[in-house]
Amino acid sequence: MRSQQIIRSYYVIAGLYTLSASLIWGVNTLFLLDAGLNIFEVFIANAFFSAGMTLFEIPTGVLADTRGRRLSFLLSTLVLSLGTLGYVSIALLQGGLLWFCVMSVVMGLGYTFYSGAVEAWLVDALNATGFQEPLDKIFARSEFVSGAAMVAGTIGGGLLGDVDLAIPFMGRALLLLLLFAFAYFYMHDIGYQPRTLTLVRLPAEMQGVAAASLKFGWGNASIRLIMFMSFIQTGFLYWGFYAWQPYFLDLLGRDVAWVAGVIAALVSLATMAGNKSVEWFTQFCGKRTTLMLWAAGVGALATVGVGVGHSFWLVVPLFLVYMATTGIITPVLQAYLHQVIPSGQRAAIVSFSSMAGSGGGILGQAGLGYLARVNSIASGYIAGGIASLVVLPLAGALRRLDDPADKIVDKAGRKSACAAQGIPDISSVDTTTG
C-alpha cells in the first residue's frame, strides 16, 4: 500500500468515525435532560465516560501494541455501537443515572480502543513507505475532514432530534457498523508486526506498557508537559463542549433541537478554520509552541467572555473563537508528541497521554457540573476559562526545553520556504516573557 492510499484511508476512517460520533453531539445533553437527569447528573454521567477512558487506556494500549492497531479499531466500532444503543434502551426504560453511568463507562472503553491506535497505524505505515513530509499537515487535514463530517453530523443529528432525540443515537450505531466493514477491508497493519497476547501474559504486558509509559512518557520532560496541558485543556473542553446546549438555548429563549444542531455545525466550521490555519502557519519556519501559546491565550479569554456575556448573539461567536483555537492546538500537539515517542510504544504512550486528558475530564465535568448546578452554567465558563490560563506557563516551559520536535521541519530536515530565503524565524521571539 502506497503512502497516498494510506493517507486516504486514514481520512475516510477519521471522517466516518467523526460523522457517526457527531450525530449526537448537538443533542446529547438535551437527550439526557429529556431522559430525566438534571444538569449535574448529566455531567456525572459524562464524567463516568471519562473515567472509563482513564481506566481502560493502558489495557487497550497493550492490545494495540501487541495484537495490532487494526484489531483495536475494529473493537472500538463494535463496543461504541453497543454503548450507543444502550443509551437509547436506558432512556426508554427510564433506567436513571446509575445505568447511564454504566453505559458511559462502556462507551469510554470503546473510545480507548480508538485512542492512539489509528494515529499509531498511520505513522508506522507512512514510515514503512518512506513518507518524508511533515505530519502536521496530515493531522490538520484529518481534523479538517473530521470537521466537515461534524458539520454534516451535527446538522443531521439536530434535524433528526427534532423528530425524536433517540434517532441520532440509532443512526450513530448504524454508521459505526458500516465503518467496521470499511476498516476490515482497507485498514491493515503496515510497518508494525502484531504479536500474540494471551490472558496469562496480559498482566506482564500491562506492567511492561506502564514501565514504558513512565520511561518514554512521564520520564520525557516534553511529554510530561504535554500531559499537563492536556489535563487542563481537556478538563474544560469535555464540560464546555456539552454545557453550551442548554445554556445557549436558554439565552435564545427557544428550546428547539435544530438550533442546537446548527450551533454544533458552526462549532465544526470554527474547528475546521483552526485546522486549516495550521497548514498556513506551518509554511513558516516557526515553532509549534508559538502556535500553542497564542491559541491557548486567545481561547482562554474567549471562554471567559462566554461566561460573562449575557447575549446569545455575543456568547455564540466567542465560543466559536474558543473552538477555533482548539482546532489549532490539537494537530500541533499530536505532531509534537509523535516526534518524541518510539514506534514500539507509540500507541501505548499516546493512550497514556490521552489518559491524562481523560483524568482532567473527570474532574472538570464533575467540578464544573456541580458549579453549574449550584450557581450557573455561565459561572462554569468563567471558572474554566481562568483555569485554562495555566496552559500558558506550561507551554512556555515546553518552549524553553528547545526540543527538536518543537521545530516544524520535514523528515529530510528541510525547513519551510522562508528559512531557505533567509527570512528571520518569527518564532525566535520569546513570547513567554511578554
Foldseek 3Di string as FASTA:
>chain_A
DALVLLLVLLLVLLLLLLLLVLLQLLCVQVLVVLLPDDLLLSLLLLLLLLVLLLVCLLLLLLCCLAQHLLVLLLQLLVQLLVLLVQSVVCSVVSVDSVSSSVSSSSNSNSVSSVQLSSLLQSVLQCVLNVDWAFCLLSLLVSLLSSLVSSLVSLLNSLVVVQVPNSVSSNSSSVSSVVSSVSSVPRRDRHNHDHHDDDPVCSVVSSVVLVVQLVVLAVVDLLNVLLLVLLLLVLLQCSAVSRLVNVVLCVLVVHNGSNVSSNLSSLLSVLLSLLSVVLVVVQLAFAFLLVLVQVLLLLLLVLLLVLLVDSHSVRNSVSNSSNSSSVSNNVSSSVSLLVVRGDSSSRSSNSSVSVSSNSNSNSCSSNVLSVVCVVPRNSVSSNVSSVSSVVSNVSSLVSVVVVDPSRTSDINVRDGHPCVVVVHDHPNVDRPSVD
